[in-house]
Amino acid sequence: YEVPPMEPMNFKSRWVMITGASAGLGREL
């Protein structure tokens, strides 16, 4: 599969939603 030429994501000072964030993998993420 060809992947579009997008730059890697940059999370610095940006908001990311995480569901299941209270425990396990979600909390660690």
PDB file of all heavy atoms in Angstrom:
ATOM      1  N   TYR A   1       0.835  -1.187   0.000  1.00  0.00           N
ATOM      2  CA  TYR A   1       0.000   0.000   0.000  1.00  0.00           C
ATOM      3  C   TYR A   1       0.878   1.248   0.000  1.00  0.00           C
ATOM      4  O   TYR A   1       1.829   1.340   0.764  1.00  0.00           O
ATOM      5  CB  TYR A   1      -0.895   0.023   1.254  1.00  0.00           C
ATOM      6  CG  TYR A   1      -1.812  -1.167   1.352  1.00  0.00           C
ATOM      7  CD1 TYR A   1      -1.396  -2.316   2.011  1.00  0.00           C
ATOM      8  CD2 TYR A   1      -3.069  -1.144   0.771  1.00  0.00           C
ATOM      9  CE1 TYR A   1      -2.221  -3.421   2.088  1.00  0.00           C
ATOM     10  CE2 TYR A   1      -3.912  -2.239   0.854  1.00  0.00           C
ATOM     11  CZ  TYR A   1      -3.488  -3.375   1.517  1.00  0.00           C
ATOM     12  OH  TYR A   1      -4.309  -4.466   1.600  1.00  0.00           O
ATOM     13  N   GLU A   2       0.549   2.200  -0.833  1.00  0.00           N
ATOM     14  CA  GLU A   2       1.253   3.475  -0.848  1.00  0.00           C
ATOM     15  C   GLU A   2       0.726   4.373   0.254  1.00  0.00           C
ATOM     16  O   GLU A   2      -0.473   4.519   0.424  1.00  0.00           O
ATOM     17  CB  GLU A   2       1.049   4.163  -2.201  1.00  0.00           C
ATOM     18  CG  GLU A   2       2.338   4.471  -2.899  1.00  0.00           C
ATOM     19  CD  GLU A   2       2.127   5.235  -4.192  1.00  0.00           C
ATOM     20  OE1 GLU A   2       1.082   5.880  -4.345  1.00  0.00           O
ATOM     21  OE2 GLU A   2       3.023   5.170  -5.030  1.00  0.00           O
ATOM     22  N   VAL A   3       1.639   4.946   1.022  1.00  0.00           N
ATOM     23  CA  VAL A   3       1.265   5.829   2.120  1.00  0.00           C
ATOM     24  C   VAL A   3       1.443   7.269   1.664  1.00  0.00           C
ATOM     25  O   VAL A   3       2.455   7.606   1.052  1.00  0.00           O
ATOM     26  CB  VAL A   3       2.148   5.560   3.357  1.00  0.00           C
ATOM     27  CG1 VAL A   3       1.776   6.484   4.501  1.00  0.00           C
ATOM     28  CG2 VAL A   3       2.026   4.100   3.780  1.00  0.00           C
ATOM     29  N   PRO A   4       0.473   8.144   1.922  1.00  0.00           N
ATOM     30  CA  PRO A   4       0.621   9.544   1.513  1.00  0.00           C
ATOM     31  C   PRO A   4       1.792  10.210   2.212  1.00  0.00           C
ATOM     32  O   PRO A   4       2.110   9.863   3.355  1.00  0.00           O
ATOM     33  CB  PRO A   4      -0.718  10.181   1.933  1.00  0.00           C
ATOM     34  CG  PRO A   4      -1.247   9.276   2.992  1.00  0.00           C
ATOM     35  CD  PRO A   4      -0.779   7.902   2.659  1.00  0.00           C
ATOM     36  N   PRO A   5       2.432  11.153   1.568  1.00  0.00           N
ATOM     37  CA  PRO A   5       3.634  11.783   2.135  1.00  0.00           C
ATOM     38  C   PRO A   5       3.298  12.826   3.198  1.00  0.00           C
ATOM     39  O   PRO A   5       3.502  14.027   2.994  1.00  0.00           O
ATOM     40  CB  PRO A   5       4.297  12.422   0.917  1.00  0.00           C
ATOM     41  CG  PRO A   5       3.145  12.740   0.004  1.00  0.00           C
ATOM     42  CD  PRO A   5       2.132  11.653   0.221  1.00  0.00           C
ATOM     43  N   MET A   6       2.768  12.386   4.317  1.00  0.00           N
ATOM     44  CA  MET A   6       2.491  13.287   5.425  1.00  0.00           C
ATOM     45  C   MET A   6       3.663  13.283   6.397  1.00  0.00           C
ATOM     46  O   MET A   6       4.317  12.259   6.591  1.00  0.00           O
ATOM     47  CB  MET A   6       1.212  12.879   6.170  1.00  0.00           C
ATOM     48  CG  MET A   6      -0.065  13.082   5.379  1.00  0.00           C
ATOM     49  SD  MET A   6      -1.527  12.690   6.392  1.00  0.00           S
ATOM     50  CE  MET A   6      -1.531  14.076   7.533  1.00  0.00           C
ATOM     51  N   GLU A   7       3.910  14.408   7.025  1.00  0.00           N
ATOM     52  CA  GLU A   7       4.947  14.497   8.045  1.00  0.00           C
ATOM     53  C   GLU A   7       4.517  13.682   9.277  1.00  0.00           C
ATOM     54  O   GLU A   7       3.323  13.524   9.543  1.00  0.00           O
ATOM     55  CB  GLU A   7       5.170  15.954   8.454  1.00  0.00           C
ATOM     56  CG  GLU A   7       5.777  16.820   7.367  1.00  0.00           C
ATOM     57  CD  GLU A   7       7.207  16.407   7.060  1.00  0.00           C
ATOM     58  OE1 GLU A   7       7.939  16.046   8.007  1.00  0.00           O
ATOM     59  OE2 GLU A   7       7.573  16.431   5.870  1.00  0.00           O
ATOM     60  N   PRO A   8       5.486  13.151  10.057  1.00  0.00           N
ATOM     61  CA  PRO A   8       5.131  12.486  11.318  1.00  0.00           C
ATOM     62  C   PRO A   8       4.350  13.436  12.221  1.00  0.00           C
ATOM     63  O   PRO A   8       4.511  14.651  12.157  1.00  0.00           O
ATOM     64  CB  PRO A   8       6.489  12.141  11.930  1.00  0.00           C
ATOM     65  CG  PRO A   8       7.424  12.071  10.768  1.00  0.00           C
ATOM     66  CD  PRO A   8       6.934  13.106   9.790  1.00  0.00           C
ATOM     67  N   MET A   9       3.510  12.880  13.051  1.00  0.00           N
ATOM     68  CA  MET A   9       2.717  13.692  13.957  1.00  0.00           C
ATOM     69  C   MET A   9       3.612  14.363  14.996  1.00  0.00           C
ATOM     70  O   MET A   9       4.614  13.797  15.437  1.00  0.00           O
ATOM     71  CB  MET A   9       1.643  12.838  14.648  1.00  0.00           C
ATOM     72  CG  MET A   9       0.632  12.255  13.676  1.00  0.00           C
ATOM     73  SD  MET A   9      -0.701  11.332  14.497  1.00  0.00           S
ATOM     74  CE  MET A   9      -1.643  12.682  15.213  1.00  0.00           C
ATOM     75  N   ASN A  10       3.239  15.569  15.383  1.00  0.00           N
ATOM     76  CA  ASN A  10       3.969  16.337  16.398  1.00  0.00           C
ATOM     77  C   ASN A  10       2.992  16.676  17.514  1.00  0.00           C
ATOM     78  O   ASN A  10       2.084  17.484  17.340  1.00  0.00           O
ATOM     79  CB  ASN A  10       4.552  17.610  15.786  1.00  0.00           C
ATOM     80  CG  ASN A  10       5.300  18.451  16.804  1.00  0.00           C
ATOM     81  OD1 ASN A  10       5.478  18.057  17.954  1.00  0.00           O
ATOM     82  ND2 ASN A  10       5.738  19.629  16.392  1.00  0.00           N
ATOM     83  N   PHE A  11       3.167  16.053  18.686  1.00  0.00           N
ATOM     84  CA  PHE A  11       2.210  16.183  19.773  1.00  0.00           C
ATOM     85  C   PHE A  11       2.490  17.351  20.719  1.00  0.00           C
ATOM     86  O   PHE A  11       1.676  17.623  21.606  1.00  0.00           O
ATOM     87  CB  PHE A  11       2.189  14.887  20.597  1.00  0.00           C
ATOM     88  CG  PHE A  11       1.875  13.656  19.791  1.00  0.00           C
ATOM     89  CD1 PHE A  11       2.847  12.700  19.550  1.00  0.00           C
ATOM     90  CD2 PHE A  11       0.606  13.457  19.263  1.00  0.00           C
ATOM     91  CE1 PHE A  11       2.565  11.559  18.811  1.00  0.00           C
ATOM     92  CE2 PHE A  11       0.306  12.326  18.523  1.00  0.00           C
ATOM     93  CZ  PHE A  11       1.295  11.369  18.289  1.00  0.00           C
ATOM     94  N   LYS A  12       3.592  18.025  20.548  1.00  0.00           N
ATOM     95  CA  LYS A  12       4.011  19.064  21.479  1.00  0.00           C
ATOM     96  C   LYS A  12       2.941  20.134  21.653  1.00  0.00           C
ATOM     97  O   LYS A  12       2.515  20.785  20.682  1.00  0.00           O
ATOM     98  CB  LYS A  12       5.312  19.708  20.985  1.00  0.00           C
ATOM     99  CG  LYS A  12       5.863  20.801  21.885  1.00  0.00           C
ATOM    100  CD  LYS A  12       6.344  20.248  23.220  1.00  0.00           C
ATOM    101  CE  LYS A  12       7.031  21.335  24.044  1.00  0.00           C
ATOM    102  NZ  LYS A  12       7.428  20.839  25.379  1.00  0.00           N
ATOM    103  N   SER A  13       2.474  20.310  22.896  1.00  0.00           N
ATOM    104  CA  SER A  13       1.480  21.331  23.270  1.00  0.00           C
ATOM    105  C   SER A  13       0.156  21.166  22.538  1.00  0.00           C
ATOM    106  O   SER A  13      -0.648  22.099  22.499  1.00  0.00           O
ATOM    107  CB  SER A  13       2.039  22.745  23.030  1.00  0.00           C
ATOM    108  OG  SER A  13       3.199  22.954  23.796  1.00  0.00           O
ATOM    109  N   ARG A  14      -0.098  19.990  21.968  1.00  0.00           N
ATOM    110  CA  ARG A  14      -1.357  19.736  21.278  1.00  0.00           C
ATOM    111  C   ARG A  14      -2.227  18.798  22.099  1.00  0.00           C
ATOM    112  O   ARG A  14      -1.726  18.018  22.912  1.00  0.00           O
ATOM    113  CB  ARG A  14      -1.092  19.149  19.888  1.00  0.00           C
ATOM    114  CG  ARG A  14      -0.602  20.215  18.909  1.00  0.00           C
ATOM    115  CD  ARG A  14      -0.121  19.616  17.628  1.00  0.00           C
ATOM    116  NE  ARG A  14      -0.161  20.590  16.528  1.00  0.00           N
ATOM    117  CZ  ARG A  14       0.505  20.444  15.406  1.00  0.00           C
ATOM    118  NH1 ARG A  14       1.269  19.376  15.206  1.00  0.00           N
ATOM    119  NH2 ARG A  14       0.422  21.347  14.446  1.00  0.00           N
ATOM    120  N   TRP A  15      -3.533  18.866  21.851  1.00  0.00           N
ATOM    121  CA  TRP A  15      -4.490  18.076  22.616  1.00  0.00           C
ATOM    122  C   TRP A  15      -4.804  16.762  21.906  1.00  0.00           C
ATOM    123  O   TRP A  15      -5.148  16.755  20.729  1.00  0.00           O
ATOM    124  CB  TRP A  15      -5.777  18.864  22.828  1.00  0.00           C
ATOM    125  CG  TRP A  15      -5.640  19.961  23.842  1.00  0.00           C
ATOM    126  CD1 TRP A  15      -5.285  21.257  23.603  1.00  0.00           C
ATOM    127  CD2 TRP A  15      -5.851  19.850  25.246  1.00  0.00           C
ATOM    128  NE1 TRP A  15      -5.259  21.972  24.776  1.00  0.00           N
ATOM    129  CE2 TRP A  15      -5.601  21.135  25.812  1.00  0.00           C
ATOM    130  CE3 TRP A  15      -6.221  18.809  26.103  1.00  0.00           C
ATOM    131  CZ2 TRP A  15      -5.721  21.379  27.175  1.00  0.00           C
ATOM    132  CZ3 TRP A  15      -6.336  19.053  27.465  1.00  0.00           C
ATOM    133  CH2 TRP A  15      -6.085  20.324  27.984  1.00  0.00           C
ATOM    134  N   VAL A  16      -4.688  15.659  22.649  1.00  0.00           N
ATOM    135  CA  VAL A  16      -4.998  14.326  22.139  1.00  0.00           C
ATOM    136  C   VAL A  16      -6.026  13.682  23.065  1.00  0.00           C
ATOM    137  O   VAL A  16      -5.815  13.605  24.283  1.00  0.00           O
ATOM    138  CB  VAL A  16      -3.741  13.442  22.069  1.00  0.00           C
ATOM    139  CG1 VAL A  16      -4.106  12.042  21.564  1.00  0.00           C
ATOM    140  CG2 VAL A  16      -2.683  14.075  21.156  1.00  0.00           C
ATOM    141  N   MET A  17      -7.140  13.232  22.501  1.00  0.00           N
ATOM    142  CA  MET A  17      -8.147  12.516  23.275  1.00  0.00           C
ATOM    143  C   MET A  17      -7.733  11.055  23.399  1.00  0.00           C
ATOM    144  O   MET A  17      -7.306  10.443  22.420  1.00  0.00           O
ATOM    145  CB  MET A  17      -9.514  12.609  22.602  1.00  0.00           C
ATOM    146  CG  MET A  17     -10.605  11.792  23.301  1.00  0.00           C
ATOM    147  SD  MET A  17     -12.133  11.665  22.345  1.00  0.00           S
ATOM    148  CE  MET A  17     -12.741  13.351  22.478  1.00  0.00           C
ATOM    149  N   ILE A  18      -7.883  10.497  24.606  1.00  0.00           N
ATOM    150  CA  ILE A  18      -7.634   9.070  24.833  1.00  0.00           C
ATOM    151  C   ILE A  18      -8.827   8.487  25.567  1.00  0.00           C
ATOM    152  O   ILE A  18      -9.155   8.934  26.674  1.00  0.00           O
ATOM    153  CB  ILE A  18      -6.351   8.832  25.642  1.00  0.00           C
ATOM    154  CG1 ILE A  18      -5.138   9.451  24.939  1.00  0.00           C
ATOM    155  CG2 ILE A  18      -6.130   7.329  25.853  1.00  0.00           C
ATOM    156  CD1 ILE A  18      -3.843   9.317  25.728  1.00  0.00           C
ATOM    157  N   THR A  19      -9.486   7.507  24.973  1.00  0.00           N
ATOM    158  CA  THR A  19     -10.580   6.830  25.665  1.00  0.00           C
ATOM    159  C   THR A  19     -10.018   5.635  26.434  1.00  0.00           C
ATOM    160  O   THR A  19      -8.994   5.062  26.086  1.00  0.00           O
ATOM    161  CB  THR A  19     -11.672   6.361  24.689  1.00  0.00           C
ATOM    162  OG1 THR A  19     -11.127   5.373  23.800  1.00  0.00           O
ATOM    163  CG2 THR A  19     -12.221   7.529  23.884  1.00  0.00           C
ATOM    164  N   GLY A  20     -10.697   5.276  27.514  1.00  0.00           N
ATOM    165  CA  GLY A  20     -10.179   4.227  28.384  1.00  0.00           C
ATOM    166  C   GLY A  20      -8.905   4.661  29.076  1.00  0.00           C
ATOM    167  O   GLY A  20      -7.991   3.860  29.298  1.00  0.00           O
ATOM    168  N   ALA A  21      -8.840   5.943  29.473  1.00  0.00           N
ATOM    169  CA  ALA A  21      -7.595   6.533  29.978  1.00  0.00           C
ATOM    170  C   ALA A  21      -7.372   6.347  31.469  1.00  0.00           C
ATOM    171  O   ALA A  21      -6.340   6.763  31.983  1.00  0.00           O
ATOM    172  CB  ALA A  21      -7.577   8.030  29.646  1.00  0.00           C
ATOM    173  N   SER A  22      -8.296   5.717  32.177  1.00  0.00           N
ATOM    174  CA  SER A  22      -8.168   5.638  33.633  1.00  0.00           C
ATOM    175  C   SER A  22      -7.297   4.485  34.105  1.00  0.00           C
ATOM    176  O   SER A  22      -6.891   4.448  35.267  1.00  0.00           O
ATOM    177  CB  SER A  22      -9.553   5.514  34.280  1.00  0.00           C
ATOM    178  OG  SER A  22     -10.176   4.301  33.879  1.00  0.00           O
ATOM    179  N   ALA A  23      -6.987   3.540  33.224  1.00  0.00           N
ATOM    180  CA  ALA A  23      -6.213   2.367  33.637  1.00  0.00           C
ATOM    181  C   ALA A  23      -5.559   1.721  32.426  1.00  0.00           C
ATOM    182  O   ALA A  23      -5.855   2.064  31.275  1.00  0.00           O
ATOM    183  CB  ALA A  23      -7.123   1.353  34.348  1.00  0.00           C
ATOM    184  N   GLY A  24      -4.659   0.777  32.703  1.00  0.00           N
ATOM    185  CA  GLY A  24      -4.104  -0.051  31.648  1.00  0.00           C
ATOM    186  C   GLY A  24      -3.373   0.710  30.560  1.00  0.00           C
ATOM    187  O   GLY A  24      -2.651   1.680  30.818  1.00  0.00           O
ATOM    188  N   LEU A  25      -3.571   0.255  29.331  1.00  0.00           N
ATOM    189  CA  LEU A  25      -2.880   0.844  28.185  1.00  0.00           C
ATOM    190  C   LEU A  25      -3.245   2.311  28.010  1.00  0.00           C
ATOM    191  O   LEU A  25      -2.374   3.142  27.717  1.00  0.00           O
ATOM    192  CB  LEU A  25      -3.216   0.060  26.913  1.00  0.00           C
ATOM    193  CG  LEU A  25      -2.568   0.574  25.620  1.00  0.00           C
ATOM    194  CD1 LEU A  25      -1.050   0.534  25.703  1.00  0.00           C
ATOM    195  CD2 LEU A  25      -3.074  -0.223  24.426  1.00  0.00           C
ATOM    196  N   GLY A  26      -4.514   2.662  28.190  1.00  0.00           N
ATOM    197  CA  GLY A  26      -4.932   4.052  28.006  1.00  0.00           C
ATOM    198  C   GLY A  26      -4.228   4.997  28.957  1.00  0.00           C
ATOM    199  O   GLY A  26      -3.780   6.079  28.558  1.00  0.00           O
ATOM    200  N   ARG A  27      -4.111   4.614  30.218  1.00  0.00           N
ATOM    201  CA  ARG A  27      -3.428   5.452  31.200  1.00  0.00           C
ATOM    202  C   ARG A  27      -1.950   5.589  30.851  1.00  0.00           C
ATOM    203  O   ARG A  27      -1.380   6.685  30.930  1.00  0.00           O
ATOM    204  CB  ARG A  27      -3.594   4.859  32.599  1.00  0.00           C
ATOM    205  CG  ARG A  27      -3.011   5.736  33.702  1.00  0.00           C
ATOM    206  CD  ARG A  27      -3.248   5.120  35.075  1.00  0.00           C
ATOM    207  NE  ARG A  27      -2.848   6.046  36.127  1.00  0.00           N
ATOM    208  CZ  ARG A  27      -1.595   6.212  36.551  1.00  0.00           C
ATOM    209  NH1 ARG A  27      -0.617   5.495  35.988  1.00  0.00           N
ATOM    210  NH2 ARG A  27      -1.315   7.075  37.495  1.00  0.00           N
ATOM    211  N   GLU A  28      -1.327   4.499  30.458  1.00  0.00           N
ATOM    212  CA  GLU A  28       0.093   4.545  30.105  1.00  0.00           C
ATOM    213  C   GLU A  28       0.322   5.391  28.851  1.00  0.00           C
ATOM    214  O   GLU A  28       1.317   6.127  28.767  1.00  0.00           O
ATOM    215  CB  GLU A  28       0.623   3.119  29.889  1.00  0.00           C
ATOM    216  CG  GLU A  28       2.118   3.037  29.677  1.00  0.00           C
ATOM    217  CD  GLU A  28       2.949   3.476  30.868  1.00  0.00           C
ATOM    218  OE1 GLU A  28       2.463   3.342  32.019  1.00  0.00           O
ATOM    219  OE2 GLU A  28       4.096   3.943  30.653  1.00  0.00           O
ATOM    220  N   LEU A  29      -0.576   5.319  27.891  1.00  0.00           N
ATOM    221  CA  LEU A  29      -0.477   6.172  26.704  1.00  0.00           C
ATOM    222  C   LEU A  29      -0.536   7.647  27.094  1.00  0.00           C
ATOM    223  O   LEU A  29       0.233   8.469  26.577  1.00  0.00           O
ATOM    224  CB  LEU A  29      -1.609   5.844  25.725  1.00  0.00           C
ATOM    225  CG  LEU A  29      -1.486   4.529  24.957  1.00  0.00           C
ATOM    226  CD1 LEU A  29      -2.828   4.159  24.327  1.00  0.00           C
ATOM    227  CD2 LEU A  29      -0.404   4.615  23.885  1.00  0.00           C
TER     228      LEU A  29
END
